[in-house]
Amino acid sequence: MSDNPIQTNRLLMEMEHSIKVLNRDVLNPDIPELTMKGLEPTLRMVAKMRSTYLQAVLELAQASSDKNPSTKQIAELRNTRVCYEELASGAKALETAIKRGYLDVAGSARAA
């Protein structure tokens, strides 16, 4: 590891720039210019899955009453949670790509 913080910082800055350029070069041609209207189905899908997961938690508590949920019930809840988390993670990755300028956004100077 370099003992020279200036060299280290320079390398990190170059790396950050390369990551941005490479991600934009790879992602941008494959994903059309983004609009709120175009993003809404994705956001709605995540919200619906969140609702499904939260409903499952509440229903499980109602059904379980004073006893612990069965292994099968827990497995079903876990599957619902995994689905929700995967969709939420995808939406977050999309948000990150937008924030970092990897994708064109309708109305932005870069998209024009």
C-alpha atoms as a PDB file:
ATOM      1  CA  MET A   1       0.000   0.000   0.000  1.00  0.00           C
ATOM      2  CA  SER A   2       1.274   3.444  -0.881  1.00  0.00           C
ATOM      3  CA  ASP A   3       2.571   5.653   1.888  1.00  0.00           C
ATOM      4  CA  ASN A   4       1.920   8.682  -0.299  1.00  0.00           C
ATOM      5  CA  PRO A   5      -1.592   9.977   0.403  1.00  0.00           C
ATOM      6  CA  ILE A   6      -1.502  12.225  -2.676  1.00  0.00           C
ATOM      7  CA  GLN A   7      -0.889   9.245  -4.971  1.00  0.00           C
ATOM      8  CA  THR A   8      -3.537   7.238  -3.178  1.00  0.00           C
ATOM      9  CA  ASN A   9      -6.095  10.041  -3.498  1.00  0.00           C
ATOM     10  CA  ARG A  10      -5.223  10.545  -7.161  1.00  0.00           C
ATOM     11  CA  LEU A  11      -5.699   6.837  -7.855  1.00  0.00           C
ATOM     12  CA  LEU A  12      -9.015   6.813  -6.001  1.00  0.00           C
ATOM     13  CA  MET A  13     -10.225   9.842  -7.972  1.00  0.00           C
ATOM     14  CA  GLU A  14      -9.214   8.197 -11.251  1.00  0.00           C
ATOM     15  CA  MET A  15     -10.915   4.998 -10.169  1.00  0.00           C
ATOM     16  CA  GLU A  16     -14.127   6.853  -9.284  1.00  0.00           C
ATOM     17  CA  HIS A  17     -14.080   8.589 -12.671  1.00  0.00           C
ATOM     18  CA  SER A  18     -13.484   5.298 -14.501  1.00  0.00           C
ATOM     19  CA  ILE A  19     -16.325   3.623 -12.632  1.00  0.00           C
ATOM     20  CA  LYS A  20     -18.685   6.431 -13.640  1.00  0.00           C
ATOM     21  CA  VAL A  21     -17.601   6.404 -17.288  1.00  0.00           C
ATOM     22  CA  LEU A  22     -17.702   2.612 -17.580  1.00  0.00           C
ATOM     23  CA  ASN A  23     -21.084   2.290 -15.897  1.00  0.00           C
ATOM     24  CA  ARG A  24     -22.545   5.000 -18.110  1.00  0.00           C
ATOM     25  CA  ASP A  25     -21.028   3.411 -21.232  1.00  0.00           C
ATOM     26  CA  VAL A  26     -22.425  -0.017 -20.328  1.00  0.00           C
ATOM     27  CA  LEU A  27     -25.809   0.865 -18.789  1.00  0.00           C
ATOM     28  CA  ASN A  28     -26.953   3.870 -20.773  1.00  0.00           C
ATOM     29  CA  PRO A  29     -27.237   2.238 -24.235  1.00  0.00           C
ATOM     30  CA  ASP A  30     -29.345  -0.613 -22.818  1.00  0.00           C
ATOM     31  CA  ILE A  31     -31.819   1.462 -20.800  1.00  0.00           C
ATOM     32  CA  PRO A  32     -34.025   4.079 -22.475  1.00  0.00           C
ATOM     33  CA  GLU A  33     -34.212   7.649 -21.220  1.00  0.00           C
ATOM     34  CA  LEU A  34     -36.010   7.640 -17.887  1.00  0.00           C
ATOM     35  CA  THR A  35     -39.192   9.504 -17.050  1.00  0.00           C
ATOM     36  CA  MET A  36     -41.329   9.486 -13.934  1.00  0.00           C
ATOM     37  CA  LYS A  37     -44.119   7.918 -15.984  1.00  0.00           C
ATOM     38  CA  GLY A  38     -41.753   5.160 -17.080  1.00  0.00           C
ATOM     39  CA  LEU A  39     -40.490   4.559 -13.538  1.00  0.00           C
ATOM     40  CA  GLU A  40     -43.931   4.438 -11.950  1.00  0.00           C
ATOM     41  CA  PRO A  41     -44.654   0.750 -12.748  1.00  0.00           C
ATOM     42  CA  THR A  42     -41.393  -0.248 -11.059  1.00  0.00           C
ATOM     43  CA  LEU A  43     -42.097   1.881  -8.000  1.00  0.00           C
ATOM     44  CA  ARG A  44     -45.684   0.597  -7.819  1.00  0.00           C
ATOM     45  CA  MET A  45     -44.460  -3.011  -8.040  1.00  0.00           C
ATOM     46  CA  VAL A  46     -42.119  -2.456  -5.078  1.00  0.00           C
ATOM     47  CA  ALA A  47     -44.880  -0.757  -3.068  1.00  0.00           C
ATOM     48  CA  LYS A  48     -47.292  -3.626  -3.772  1.00  0.00           C
ATOM     49  CA  MET A  49     -44.719  -6.206  -2.717  1.00  0.00           C
ATOM     50  CA  ARG A  50     -44.006  -4.221   0.458  1.00  0.00           C
ATOM     51  CA  SER A  51     -47.735  -4.256   1.172  1.00  0.00           C
ATOM     52  CA  THR A  52     -47.900  -8.009   0.545  1.00  0.00           C
ATOM     53  CA  TYR A  53     -45.022  -8.617   2.940  1.00  0.00           C
ATOM     54  CA  LEU A  54     -46.417  -6.397   5.697  1.00  0.00           C
ATOM     55  CA  GLN A  55     -49.864  -7.960   5.320  1.00  0.00           C
ATOM     56  CA  ALA A  56     -48.274 -11.404   5.622  1.00  0.00           C
ATOM     57  CA  VAL A  57     -46.557 -10.396   8.870  1.00  0.00           C
ATOM     58  CA  LEU A  58     -49.798  -9.062  10.330  1.00  0.00           C
ATOM     59  CA  GLU A  59     -51.836 -12.064   9.176  1.00  0.00           C
ATOM     60  CA  LEU A  60     -49.270 -14.455  10.615  1.00  0.00           C
ATOM     61  CA  ALA A  61     -49.476 -12.724  13.981  1.00  0.00           C
ATOM     62  CA  GLN A  62     -53.285 -12.913  13.907  1.00  0.00           C
ATOM     63  CA  ALA A  63     -53.249 -16.598  12.945  1.00  0.00           C
ATOM     64  CA  SER A  64     -50.573 -17.553  15.452  1.00  0.00           C
ATOM     65  CA  SER A  65     -52.280 -16.013  18.451  1.00  0.00           C
ATOM     66  CA  ASP A  66     -50.468 -17.456  21.502  1.00  0.00           C
ATOM     67  CA  LYS A  67     -48.462 -20.096  19.669  1.00  0.00           C
ATOM     68  CA  ASN A  68     -45.333 -19.796  17.578  1.00  0.00           C
ATOM     69  CA  PRO A  69     -45.729 -19.845  13.796  1.00  0.00           C
ATOM     70  CA  SER A  70     -45.055 -23.167  12.108  1.00  0.00           C
ATOM     71  CA  THR A  71     -41.913 -23.824  10.125  1.00  0.00           C
ATOM     72  CA  LYS A  72     -44.033 -23.760   6.968  1.00  0.00           C
ATOM     73  CA  GLN A  73     -45.524 -20.366   7.877  1.00  0.00           C
ATOM     74  CA  ILE A  74     -42.075 -18.954   8.569  1.00  0.00           C
ATOM     75  CA  ALA A  75     -40.783 -20.325   5.252  1.00  0.00           C
ATOM     76  CA  GLU A  76     -43.674 -18.664   3.396  1.00  0.00           C
ATOM     77  CA  LEU A  77     -43.033 -15.379   5.194  1.00  0.00           C
ATOM     78  CA  ARG A  78     -39.320 -15.629   4.398  1.00  0.00           C
ATOM     79  CA  ASN A  79     -40.080 -16.163   0.707  1.00  0.00           C
ATOM     80  CA  THR A  80     -42.333 -13.103   0.695  1.00  0.00           C
ATOM     81  CA  ARG A  81     -39.643 -11.042   2.432  1.00  0.00           C
ATOM     82  CA  VAL A  82     -36.962 -12.180  -0.014  1.00  0.00           C
ATOM     83  CA  CYS A  83     -39.188 -11.148  -2.926  1.00  0.00           C
ATOM     84  CA  TYR A  84     -39.812  -7.746  -1.357  1.00  0.00           C
ATOM     85  CA  GLU A  85     -36.135  -7.185  -0.526  1.00  0.00           C
ATOM     86  CA  GLU A  86     -35.053  -8.174  -4.033  1.00  0.00           C
ATOM     87  CA  LEU A  87     -37.474  -5.728  -5.647  1.00  0.00           C
ATOM     88  CA  ALA A  88     -36.539  -2.967  -3.184  1.00  0.00           C
ATOM     89  CA  SER A  89     -32.861  -3.614  -3.887  1.00  0.00           C
ATOM     90  CA  GLY A  90     -33.482  -3.333  -7.614  1.00  0.00           C
ATOM     91  CA  ALA A  91     -35.303  -0.030  -7.167  1.00  0.00           C
ATOM     92  CA  LYS A  92     -32.453   1.245  -4.987  1.00  0.00           C
ATOM     93  CA  ALA A  93     -29.903   0.211  -7.637  1.00  0.00           C
ATOM     94  CA  LEU A  94     -31.913   2.139 -10.212  1.00  0.00           C
ATOM     95  CA  GLU A  95     -31.996   5.182  -7.922  1.00  0.00           C
ATOM     96  CA  THR A  96     -28.225   4.952  -7.425  1.00  0.00           C
ATOM     97  CA  ALA A  97     -27.636   4.718 -11.184  1.00  0.00           C
ATOM     98  CA  ILE A  98     -29.747   7.847 -11.691  1.00  0.00           C
ATOM     99  CA  LYS A  99     -27.986   9.783  -8.907  1.00  0.00           C
ATOM    100  CA  ARG A 100     -24.562   8.874 -10.273  1.00  0.00           C
ATOM    101  CA  GLY A 101     -25.442   9.940 -13.805  1.00  0.00           C
ATOM    102  CA  TYR A 102     -25.177   6.491 -15.388  1.00  0.00           C
ATOM    103  CA  LEU A 103     -28.586   6.849 -17.048  1.00  0.00           C
ATOM    104  CA  ASP A 104     -30.230   9.593 -19.065  1.00  0.00           C
ATOM    105  CA  VAL A 105     -33.184  11.309 -17.447  1.00  0.00           C
ATOM    106  CA  ALA A 106     -35.786  13.091 -19.581  1.00  0.00           C
ATOM    107  CA  GLY A 107     -35.323  16.829 -19.419  1.00  0.00           C
ATOM    108  CA  SER A 108     -31.716  16.714 -18.211  1.00  0.00           C
ATOM    109  CA  ALA A 109     -28.983  18.489 -20.168  1.00  0.00           C
ATOM    110  CA  ARG A 110     -27.129  15.209 -20.666  1.00  0.00           C
ATOM    111  CA  ALA A 111     -30.185  13.513 -22.191  1.00  0.00           C
ATOM    112  CA  ALA A 112     -30.701  16.323 -24.710  1.00  0.00           C
END
